[in-house]
Amino acid sequence: MEPEAHARRIISTLCRSGYQAYLVGGCVRDLLLGCQPKDFDVATNAPPQRLLELFPNSGQVGAHFGVVLVREGLHHVEVATFRSEHQYTDGRRPSSVHFQTDPREDVLRRDFTINGLMMDVETGDVLDYVGGRADLDHRLIRAIGDPEVRFREDHLRLLRAIRFAARFRFEIEPATWTAIQRRHSLIRSVSAERVRDELGRILTEGAARRGFEMLERAGLLDDLLPEIAAMQGIEQPPEFHPEGDVWVHTLLLLERLGHGSPTLAWGALLHDVGKPGTFRIAERIRFDGHVEEGIRLAHAILTRLRFSRHDMEQVEALVANHMRFKDVPRMRESTLKRFLRLPKFNEHLELHRLDCLASHGRLDTYELIQQKLHMLTDQQLKPKPLVSGRDLITEGYQPGPQFSKMLAAVEDAQLEGWIHTREQGLELVRHMFPLQVVG
């Protein structure tokens, strides 16, 4: 069953049982904007215990908050009892909630007017207690009630306001924007995981440049990513970067990201993070060691934001390898093939394309690699090894550090097309590593 059909069935069951039930929040907003919602949420006056009785295949995900997860196959819908919230003490959750029977009370606790709409699925009528329809029409992000209060309740809303404004190309209404600028430092108390996820959404929802420009104007960029804020005003050699400083270059790159993968997006954001700390002028502007500094800073940022080891490795690899593309035309065949078989090489290549388009605009190397990838088979890129460690032992070599050098030499020759058989590989080893000089 599709998520929307699942949500409609839940609402039908609740209404037949004598309760009010509506689609609520982001799904209503998206439907009114003509977008396909990712998730569907339901709000009702049915108490949590009754929800568990009506939907046996469910479980409480927020017992204190009256939220029940109703499952159907692979899909699930969050069903929440109308509630009001009181006494936020940790900048994230209310310390107490009161279940309500009036949907208006439920709406007033929510973050932004465009997320405070409810829909009757039978009639299509929209319940709008906070002017959300008008703000959708006027393309505005507006906090419900007093924006200062909303942001003090849940500090992550500072980031969410900017994400929604970027994603939908909306403006933030003046009082809400002023409150963000005044209270931006509250974001420092939000958990790293929540910040990471929200920044990741800003980077991958199709409007990364606008999102990061707004983060900078709001003061949030300095709070969360001072290493990125430091890019502003860092000049670059105009012959390679006619577009301007490192910040402008990064923004132009983000503008072209679209809906990329999270690791590509973070690689794009961080690829030049080492430049501010390595800037110097010696005949011309130089950034000696900026890749190594970039890897160090990227590791620190990703660690701070609690990224998984797998994602950290990929983002750091993108930073580490983005300058290697300039050497591609001069690479030996074996070096090039090893480069092309980097894990997720498609992300490395896309970052290179974006990097070029955001600077000098030349795509010669990108096109050369595309041609090479079209010509090469998987077997040519990563052929089956001709020689193994067991073969070397049989030849009389003692296992040790030299083994990796021997096997690499054989693979180099194989990738260059100089040798094609096991015996040729062993002959190469005998020639390059005579037994009497092997440790």
Protein backbone atom coordinates (compact mmCIF):
# COMPACT_ATOMS: atom_id res chain seq x y z
CA MET A 1 0.00 0.00 0.00
CA GLU A 2 1.33 3.44 -0.95
CA PRO A 3 1.94 5.90 1.93
CA GLU A 4 -0.87 8.25 0.93
CA ALA A 5 -3.37 5.40 0.63
CA HIS A 6 -2.18 4.08 3.99
CA ALA A 7 -2.74 7.50 5.60
CA ARG A 8 -6.20 7.79 4.05
CA ARG A 9 -7.15 4.35 5.38
CA ILE A 10 -6.02 5.37 8.87
CA ILE A 11 -8.09 8.56 8.71
CA SER A 12 -11.12 6.62 7.45
CA THR A 13 -10.82 4.16 10.35
CA LEU A 14 -10.59 6.99 12.88
CA CYS A 15 -13.56 8.87 11.41
CA ARG A 16 -15.72 5.74 11.39
CA SER A 17 -14.84 5.32 15.06
CA GLY A 18 -16.16 8.79 15.85
CA TYR A 19 -12.94 10.80 15.92
CA GLN A 20 -11.59 13.77 14.01
CA ALA A 21 -8.57 13.00 11.86
CA TYR A 22 -6.66 15.05 9.30
CA LEU A 23 -3.52 15.04 7.22
CA VAL A 24 -1.21 17.57 8.83
CA GLY A 25 2.03 19.45 8.37
CA GLY A 26 4.51 19.06 5.55
CA CYS A 27 2.41 16.66 3.51
CA VAL A 28 -0.44 19.20 3.29
CA ARG A 29 2.01 21.95 2.39
CA ASP A 30 3.54 19.83 -0.37
CA LEU A 31 0.16 18.76 -1.77
CA LEU A 32 -0.94 22.40 -1.98
CA LEU A 33 2.33 23.29 -3.72
CA GLY A 34 1.83 20.48 -6.23
CA CYS A 35 4.75 18.43 -4.86
CA GLN A 36 4.72 14.74 -3.96
CA PRO A 37 5.12 14.42 -0.17
CA LYS A 38 7.79 12.07 1.12
CA ASP A 39 5.85 11.27 4.27
CA PHE A 40 2.29 11.56 5.48
CA ASP A 41 1.39 12.49 9.05
CA VAL A 42 -2.02 12.33 10.68
CA ALA A 43 -3.39 14.36 13.61
CA THR A 44 -6.44 13.26 15.56
CA ASN A 45 -8.36 13.79 18.79
CA ALA A 46 -8.24 10.05 19.48
CA PRO A 47 -6.15 9.42 22.63
CA PRO A 48 -2.96 7.35 22.26
CA GLN A 49 -4.37 4.25 23.98
CA ARG A 50 -7.32 4.25 21.60
CA LEU A 51 -4.96 4.48 18.65
CA LEU A 52 -3.14 1.38 19.84
CA GLU A 53 -6.47 -0.45 20.11
CA LEU A 54 -7.66 0.61 16.65
CA PHE A 55 -4.32 -0.21 14.99
CA PRO A 56 -2.86 -3.34 16.58
CA ASN A 57 0.06 -3.33 14.15
CA SER A 58 1.49 -0.17 15.65
CA GLY A 59 3.77 1.06 18.37
CA GLN A 60 4.35 4.18 20.39
CA VAL A 61 7.34 6.18 19.21
CA GLY A 62 6.65 9.07 21.55
CA ALA A 63 4.44 7.87 24.35
CA HIS A 64 4.91 11.11 26.28
CA PHE A 65 3.88 13.09 23.19
CA GLY A 66 1.02 10.88 22.05
CA VAL A 67 2.68 9.75 18.81
CA VAL A 68 1.89 6.30 17.42
CA LEU A 69 3.57 4.71 14.40
CA VAL A 70 1.03 2.77 12.33
CA ARG A 71 2.68 0.26 9.99
CA GLU A 72 1.39 -1.33 6.82
CA GLY A 73 3.92 -3.46 4.95
CA LEU A 74 6.99 -1.35 4.25
CA HIS A 75 5.18 1.91 4.94
CA HIS A 76 4.42 3.70 8.18
CA VAL A 77 2.49 6.79 9.16
CA GLU A 78 2.90 8.83 12.34
CA VAL A 79 -0.44 9.44 14.00
CA ALA A 80 -0.40 12.04 16.78
CA THR A 81 -3.05 13.06 19.25
CA PHE A 82 -3.85 16.78 19.23
CA ARG A 83 -1.74 18.41 21.92
CA SER A 84 -0.41 21.64 23.30
CA GLU A 85 3.13 21.90 24.63
CA HIS A 86 4.56 23.75 27.60
CA GLN A 87 7.84 24.60 29.32
CA TYR A 88 10.58 23.89 26.81
CA THR A 89 13.71 23.62 28.91
CA ASP A 90 16.35 22.05 26.67
CA GLY A 91 15.88 23.89 23.37
CA ARG A 92 14.38 20.82 21.78
CA ARG A 93 11.46 19.19 23.61
CA PRO A 94 8.64 20.39 25.84
CA SER A 95 8.84 19.11 29.40
CA SER A 96 5.08 18.58 29.41
CA VAL A 97 2.22 18.18 26.93
CA HIS A 98 -1.53 18.38 27.30
CA PHE A 99 -3.70 16.33 24.97
CA GLN A 100 -6.39 18.40 23.31
CA THR A 101 -9.65 17.86 21.44
CA ASP A 102 -9.44 21.09 19.42
CA PRO A 103 -7.24 20.92 16.28
CA ARG A 104 -6.50 24.64 16.58
CA GLU A 105 -4.58 24.04 19.82
CA ASP A 106 -2.46 21.45 18.02
CA VAL A 107 -1.63 23.84 15.19
CA LEU A 108 -0.54 26.67 17.48
CA ARG A 109 2.36 24.62 18.86
CA ARG A 110 3.91 24.05 15.42
CA ASP A 111 6.84 25.91 13.86
CA PHE A 112 5.84 27.77 10.68
CA THR A 113 2.48 28.73 9.22
CA ILE A 114 3.03 26.73 6.03
CA ASN A 115 3.52 23.63 8.23
CA GLY A 116 0.43 24.37 10.32
CA LEU A 117 -2.22 23.30 7.81
CA MET A 118 -4.60 20.35 8.16
CA MET A 119 -6.56 18.67 5.37
CA ASP A 120 -9.82 16.76 5.42
CA VAL A 121 -9.11 13.98 2.93
CA GLU A 122 -12.79 13.33 2.23
CA THR A 123 -13.63 16.88 1.15
CA GLY A 124 -10.19 18.31 0.40
CA ASP A 125 -11.00 21.21 2.74
CA VAL A 126 -8.03 22.80 4.49
CA LEU A 127 -8.17 23.89 8.12
CA ASP A 128 -6.05 27.03 8.39
CA TYR A 129 -5.87 28.70 11.81
CA VAL A 130 -2.61 30.61 11.25
CA GLY A 131 -2.71 32.06 7.72
CA GLY A 132 -0.65 29.32 6.17
CA ARG A 133 -2.56 29.37 2.87
CA ALA A 134 -1.87 33.07 2.41
CA ASP A 135 1.83 32.57 3.23
CA LEU A 136 2.03 29.76 0.67
CA ASP A 137 0.48 32.08 -1.91
CA HIS A 138 2.87 34.89 -0.99
CA ARG A 139 5.84 32.49 -0.75
CA LEU A 140 6.70 33.37 2.83
CA ILE A 141 8.21 31.51 5.76
CA ARG A 142 6.58 32.89 8.91
CA ALA A 143 6.83 31.58 12.46
CA ILE A 144 3.53 30.76 14.15
CA GLY A 145 2.95 33.30 16.90
CA ASP A 146 5.97 35.04 18.40
CA PRO A 147 9.08 33.95 16.42
CA GLU A 148 11.37 34.56 19.40
CA VAL A 149 9.31 32.07 21.40
CA ARG A 150 9.26 29.52 18.58
CA PHE A 151 13.06 29.61 18.24
CA ARG A 152 13.67 29.44 21.98
CA GLU A 153 11.43 26.36 22.14
CA ASP A 154 13.34 24.39 19.52
CA HIS A 155 16.63 25.89 18.41
CA LEU A 156 16.82 23.71 15.29
CA ARG A 157 13.95 25.77 13.88
CA LEU A 158 16.57 28.44 13.08
CA LEU A 159 18.03 26.07 10.49
CA ARG A 160 14.68 24.70 9.38
CA ALA A 161 13.43 28.19 8.48
CA ILE A 162 16.38 28.66 6.15
CA ARG A 163 16.05 25.18 4.67
CA PHE A 164 12.40 25.72 3.79
CA ALA A 165 13.12 29.19 2.37
CA ALA A 166 15.92 27.79 0.21
CA ARG A 167 14.08 24.66 -0.90
CA PHE A 168 10.88 26.44 -1.94
CA ARG A 169 12.55 29.71 -3.04
CA PHE A 170 10.46 31.55 -0.42
CA GLU A 171 11.41 34.65 1.53
CA ILE A 172 11.48 34.74 5.33
CA GLU A 173 9.07 37.39 6.61
CA PRO A 174 10.79 40.29 8.40
CA ALA A 175 9.89 39.54 12.05
CA THR A 176 10.90 35.88 11.66
CA TRP A 177 14.15 36.86 9.91
CA THR A 178 15.00 39.43 12.59
CA ALA A 179 14.47 36.81 15.29
CA ILE A 180 16.80 34.40 13.45
CA GLN A 181 19.52 37.04 13.23
CA ARG A 182 19.04 37.97 16.88
CA ARG A 183 18.96 34.40 18.21
CA HIS A 184 21.32 32.62 15.79
CA SER A 185 23.77 31.63 18.54
CA LEU A 186 21.12 29.33 20.05
CA ILE A 187 22.01 26.86 17.30
CA ARG A 188 25.25 26.05 19.13
CA SER A 189 23.30 24.08 21.74
CA VAL A 190 21.69 21.75 19.18
CA SER A 191 23.08 18.22 18.95
CA ALA A 192 25.64 17.58 16.23
CA GLU A 193 23.48 14.88 14.65
CA ARG A 194 20.47 17.18 14.22
CA VAL A 195 22.64 19.96 12.79
CA ARG A 196 24.35 17.52 10.42
CA ASP A 197 21.06 16.21 9.09
CA GLU A 198 19.57 19.67 8.58
CA LEU A 199 22.69 21.00 6.85
CA GLY A 200 22.70 17.87 4.69
CA ARG A 201 19.16 18.61 3.59
CA ILE A 202 20.08 22.21 2.73
CA LEU A 203 22.92 20.84 0.61
CA THR A 204 20.86 18.23 -1.25
CA GLU A 205 17.38 19.69 -1.74
CA GLY A 206 18.32 21.62 -4.87
CA ALA A 207 19.05 25.11 -3.53
CA ALA A 208 22.35 24.74 -1.70
CA ARG A 209 23.76 28.10 -2.78
CA ARG A 210 20.74 30.06 -1.58
CA GLY A 211 20.71 28.11 1.67
CA PHE A 212 24.35 28.85 2.45
CA GLU A 213 24.05 32.50 1.49
CA MET A 214 21.17 32.77 3.97
CA LEU A 215 23.14 30.89 6.65
CA GLU A 216 25.92 33.43 6.23
CA ARG A 217 23.61 36.47 6.39
CA ALA A 218 21.85 35.07 9.46
CA GLY A 219 25.12 34.51 11.38
CA LEU A 220 24.54 30.75 11.51
CA LEU A 221 27.48 29.89 9.25
CA ASP A 222 29.97 31.32 11.74
CA ASP A 223 28.25 29.39 14.51
CA LEU A 224 28.30 26.03 12.76
CA LEU A 225 31.00 26.06 10.08
CA PRO A 226 33.51 28.84 10.82
CA GLU A 227 35.96 27.07 8.50
CA ILE A 228 33.58 27.74 5.60
CA ALA A 229 32.87 31.31 6.70
CA ALA A 230 36.66 31.90 6.59
CA MET A 231 36.57 31.47 2.78
CA GLN A 232 35.11 34.97 2.37
CA GLY A 233 37.61 37.46 0.98
CA ILE A 234 40.30 34.85 0.25
CA GLU A 235 41.48 35.90 -3.21
CA GLN A 236 42.46 33.40 -5.89
CA PRO A 237 44.71 33.68 -8.98
CA PRO A 238 42.46 35.21 -11.67
CA GLU A 239 43.97 33.12 -14.46
CA PHE A 240 42.49 30.00 -12.84
CA HIS A 241 39.62 31.57 -10.91
CA PRO A 242 38.17 34.54 -12.78
CA GLU A 243 34.97 34.16 -10.74
CA GLY A 244 36.44 35.64 -7.56
CA ASP A 245 37.35 34.55 -4.05
CA VAL A 246 37.09 31.08 -2.51
CA TRP A 247 33.64 31.79 -1.05
CA VAL A 248 32.25 32.92 -4.41
CA HIS A 249 33.78 29.86 -6.09
CA THR A 250 32.22 27.54 -3.52
CA LEU A 251 28.82 29.20 -3.88
CA LEU A 252 28.95 28.83 -7.67
CA LEU A 253 29.76 25.17 -7.24
CA LEU A 254 26.91 24.68 -4.76
CA GLU A 255 24.56 26.40 -7.20
CA ARG A 256 25.20 23.60 -9.71
CA LEU A 257 24.83 20.73 -7.25
CA GLY A 258 21.15 20.00 -7.78
CA HIS A 259 19.89 17.00 -5.84
CA GLY A 260 23.26 15.29 -5.47
CA SER A 261 24.28 12.58 -3.04
CA PRO A 262 25.10 13.72 0.51
CA THR A 263 28.78 12.77 0.24
CA LEU A 264 29.19 14.60 -3.07
CA ALA A 265 27.46 17.64 -1.59
CA TRP A 266 29.73 17.73 1.46
CA GLY A 267 32.75 17.13 -0.78
CA ALA A 268 31.69 20.11 -2.88
CA LEU A 269 31.32 22.29 0.20
CA LEU A 270 34.64 21.23 1.73
CA HIS A 271 36.89 20.71 -1.31
CA ASP A 272 38.68 24.06 -0.85
CA VAL A 273 38.31 24.38 2.91
CA GLY A 274 42.12 24.28 3.24
CA LYS A 275 42.69 27.41 1.16
CA PRO A 276 42.15 30.12 3.80
CA GLY A 277 44.83 28.63 6.04
CA THR A 278 47.38 28.21 3.24
CA PHE A 279 46.94 31.51 1.39
CA ARG A 280 50.17 33.33 0.57
CA ILE A 281 51.55 35.55 -2.16
CA ALA A 282 54.88 34.55 -3.75
CA GLU A 283 55.04 36.11 -7.23
CA ARG A 284 51.38 35.08 -7.45
CA ILE A 285 48.70 33.85 -5.10
CA ARG A 286 49.51 30.35 -3.87
CA PHE A 287 47.78 27.74 -1.71
CA ASP A 288 50.64 25.31 -1.15
CA GLY A 289 49.47 22.31 0.86
CA HIS A 290 45.81 23.29 0.71
CA VAL A 291 44.76 19.73 -0.09
CA GLU A 292 46.48 18.33 2.99
CA GLU A 293 45.09 21.15 5.14
CA GLY A 294 41.69 20.54 3.58
CA ILE A 295 41.78 16.87 4.53
CA ARG A 296 42.67 17.81 8.11
CA LEU A 297 39.88 20.38 8.41
CA ALA A 298 37.33 18.17 6.65
CA HIS A 299 38.12 15.36 9.10
CA ALA A 300 37.68 17.74 12.05
CA ILE A 301 34.35 19.07 10.72
CA LEU A 302 32.95 15.64 9.86
CA THR A 303 34.03 14.28 13.24
CA ARG A 304 32.42 17.24 14.99
CA LEU A 305 29.16 16.58 13.13
CA ARG A 306 29.24 12.85 13.96
CA PHE A 307 29.38 11.51 10.42
CA SER A 308 29.65 7.77 9.91
CA ARG A 309 33.11 6.41 9.18
CA HIS A 310 31.98 5.32 5.70
CA ASP A 311 30.76 8.81 4.75
CA MET A 312 33.80 10.49 6.29
CA GLU A 313 36.12 8.35 4.20
CA GLN A 314 34.32 9.26 0.99
CA VAL A 315 34.12 13.00 1.68
CA GLU A 316 37.77 13.11 2.72
CA ALA A 317 38.69 11.17 -0.43
CA LEU A 318 36.86 13.77 -2.54
CA VAL A 319 38.85 16.54 -0.87
CA ALA A 320 42.10 14.58 -1.17
CA ASN A 321 41.75 13.80 -4.88
CA HIS A 322 40.12 16.87 -6.38
CA MET A 323 43.45 18.38 -7.52
CA ARG A 324 44.69 15.15 -9.16
CA PHE A 325 42.58 15.79 -12.23
CA LYS A 326 45.03 18.41 -13.47
CA ASP A 327 47.63 15.63 -13.82
CA VAL A 328 45.41 13.24 -15.78
CA PRO A 329 46.76 14.13 -19.25
CA ARG A 330 50.29 13.28 -18.06
CA MET A 331 49.48 10.19 -15.98
CA ARG A 332 50.96 6.82 -16.84
CA GLU A 333 48.33 4.32 -17.94
CA SER A 334 48.67 2.34 -14.71
CA THR A 335 48.32 5.47 -12.54
CA LEU A 336 45.29 6.63 -14.50
CA LYS A 337 43.56 3.27 -14.26
CA ARG A 338 44.11 3.17 -10.50
CA PHE A 339 42.68 6.68 -10.28
CA LEU A 340 39.61 5.76 -12.33
CA ARG A 341 38.80 2.83 -10.07
CA LEU A 342 38.61 4.85 -6.88
CA PRO A 343 35.47 3.92 -4.92
CA LYS A 344 32.52 6.03 -6.16
CA PHE A 345 34.68 7.56 -8.87
CA ASN A 346 31.53 9.02 -10.40
CA GLU A 347 31.41 11.44 -7.45
CA HIS A 348 35.04 12.44 -7.95
CA LEU A 349 34.37 13.08 -11.63
CA GLU A 350 31.22 15.08 -10.93
CA LEU A 351 33.03 17.21 -8.34
CA HIS A 352 35.73 17.90 -10.96
CA ARG A 353 33.09 18.93 -13.51
CA LEU A 354 31.42 21.25 -11.02
CA ASP A 355 34.80 22.66 -9.94
CA CYS A 356 35.66 23.52 -13.54
CA LEU A 357 32.27 25.06 -14.30
CA ALA A 358 32.55 27.20 -11.16
CA SER A 359 35.95 28.55 -12.22
CA HIS A 360 37.66 28.57 -15.62
CA GLY A 361 34.91 26.61 -17.39
CA ARG A 362 37.21 24.23 -19.29
CA LEU A 363 36.09 20.60 -19.40
CA ASP A 364 38.91 19.08 -21.47
CA THR A 365 40.04 16.68 -18.76
CA TYR A 366 36.46 15.76 -17.87
CA GLU A 367 35.75 14.86 -21.49
CA LEU A 368 39.04 12.95 -21.78
CA ILE A 369 38.11 10.83 -18.77
CA GLN A 370 34.61 10.22 -20.11
CA GLN A 371 36.14 8.90 -23.33
CA LYS A 372 38.57 6.73 -21.38
CA LEU A 373 35.83 5.27 -19.21
CA HIS A 374 33.77 4.51 -22.31
CA MET A 375 36.69 2.63 -23.89
CA LEU A 376 37.84 0.66 -20.86
CA THR A 377 36.12 -2.49 -19.60
CA ASP A 378 35.97 -3.43 -15.93
CA GLN A 379 38.51 -6.16 -16.64
CA GLN A 380 40.91 -3.61 -18.12
CA LEU A 381 40.50 -1.26 -15.19
CA LYS A 382 40.93 -3.96 -12.56
CA PRO A 383 42.26 -7.11 -14.16
CA LYS A 384 42.61 -10.37 -12.28
CA PRO A 385 46.10 -10.45 -10.67
CA LEU A 386 48.69 -12.43 -12.62
CA VAL A 387 50.84 -13.19 -9.57
CA SER A 388 49.85 -13.94 -5.97
CA GLY A 389 51.73 -13.98 -2.68
CA ARG A 390 51.64 -17.78 -2.80
CA ASP A 391 53.41 -17.63 -6.18
CA LEU A 392 56.15 -15.49 -4.66
CA ILE A 393 56.64 -17.94 -1.78
CA THR A 394 56.88 -20.80 -4.28
CA GLU A 395 59.59 -18.81 -6.06
CA GLY A 396 61.54 -18.72 -2.81
CA TYR A 397 60.76 -15.22 -1.56
CA GLN A 398 60.18 -14.71 2.15
CA PRO A 399 56.91 -12.92 3.09
CA GLY A 400 57.51 -9.36 4.17
CA PRO A 401 57.07 -5.68 3.26
CA GLN A 402 58.66 -6.26 -0.16
CA PHE A 403 55.71 -8.42 -1.22
CA SER A 404 53.42 -5.42 -1.73
CA LYS A 405 56.09 -3.70 -3.86
CA MET A 406 56.53 -6.82 -5.97
CA LEU A 407 52.81 -7.29 -6.54
CA ALA A 408 52.38 -3.59 -7.30
CA ALA A 409 55.19 -3.72 -9.88
CA VAL A 410 53.51 -6.68 -11.60
CA GLU A 411 50.15 -4.92 -11.58
CA ASP A 412 51.72 -1.74 -13.00
CA ALA A 413 53.17 -3.68 -15.90
CA GLN A 414 49.86 -5.48 -16.40
CA LEU A 415 47.91 -2.21 -16.43
CA GLU A 416 50.41 -0.69 -18.85
CA GLY A 417 49.84 -3.67 -21.16
CA TRP A 418 53.45 -4.85 -21.03
CA ILE A 419 52.74 -8.30 -19.59
CA HIS A 420 49.80 -10.67 -19.91
CA THR A 421 50.68 -13.97 -18.23
CA ARG A 422 51.69 -15.33 -14.83
CA GLU A 423 55.10 -16.38 -16.14
CA GLN A 424 55.77 -12.89 -17.49
CA GLY A 425 54.83 -11.49 -14.10
CA LEU A 426 57.21 -13.82 -12.28
CA GLU A 427 59.98 -13.02 -14.74
CA LEU A 428 59.48 -9.33 -14.00
CA VAL A 429 59.77 -10.02 -10.26
CA ARG A 430 62.96 -12.07 -10.75
CA HIS A 431 64.45 -9.21 -12.74
CA MET A 432 63.42 -6.36 -10.42
CA PHE A 433 63.84 -8.20 -7.10
CA PRO A 434 66.68 -10.73 -7.35
CA LEU A 435 66.48 -13.30 -4.58
CA GLN A 436 69.92 -12.55 -3.18
CA VAL A 437 69.00 -8.94 -2.33
CA VAL A 438 65.56 -9.63 -0.87
CA GLY A 439 65.63 -9.11 2.88
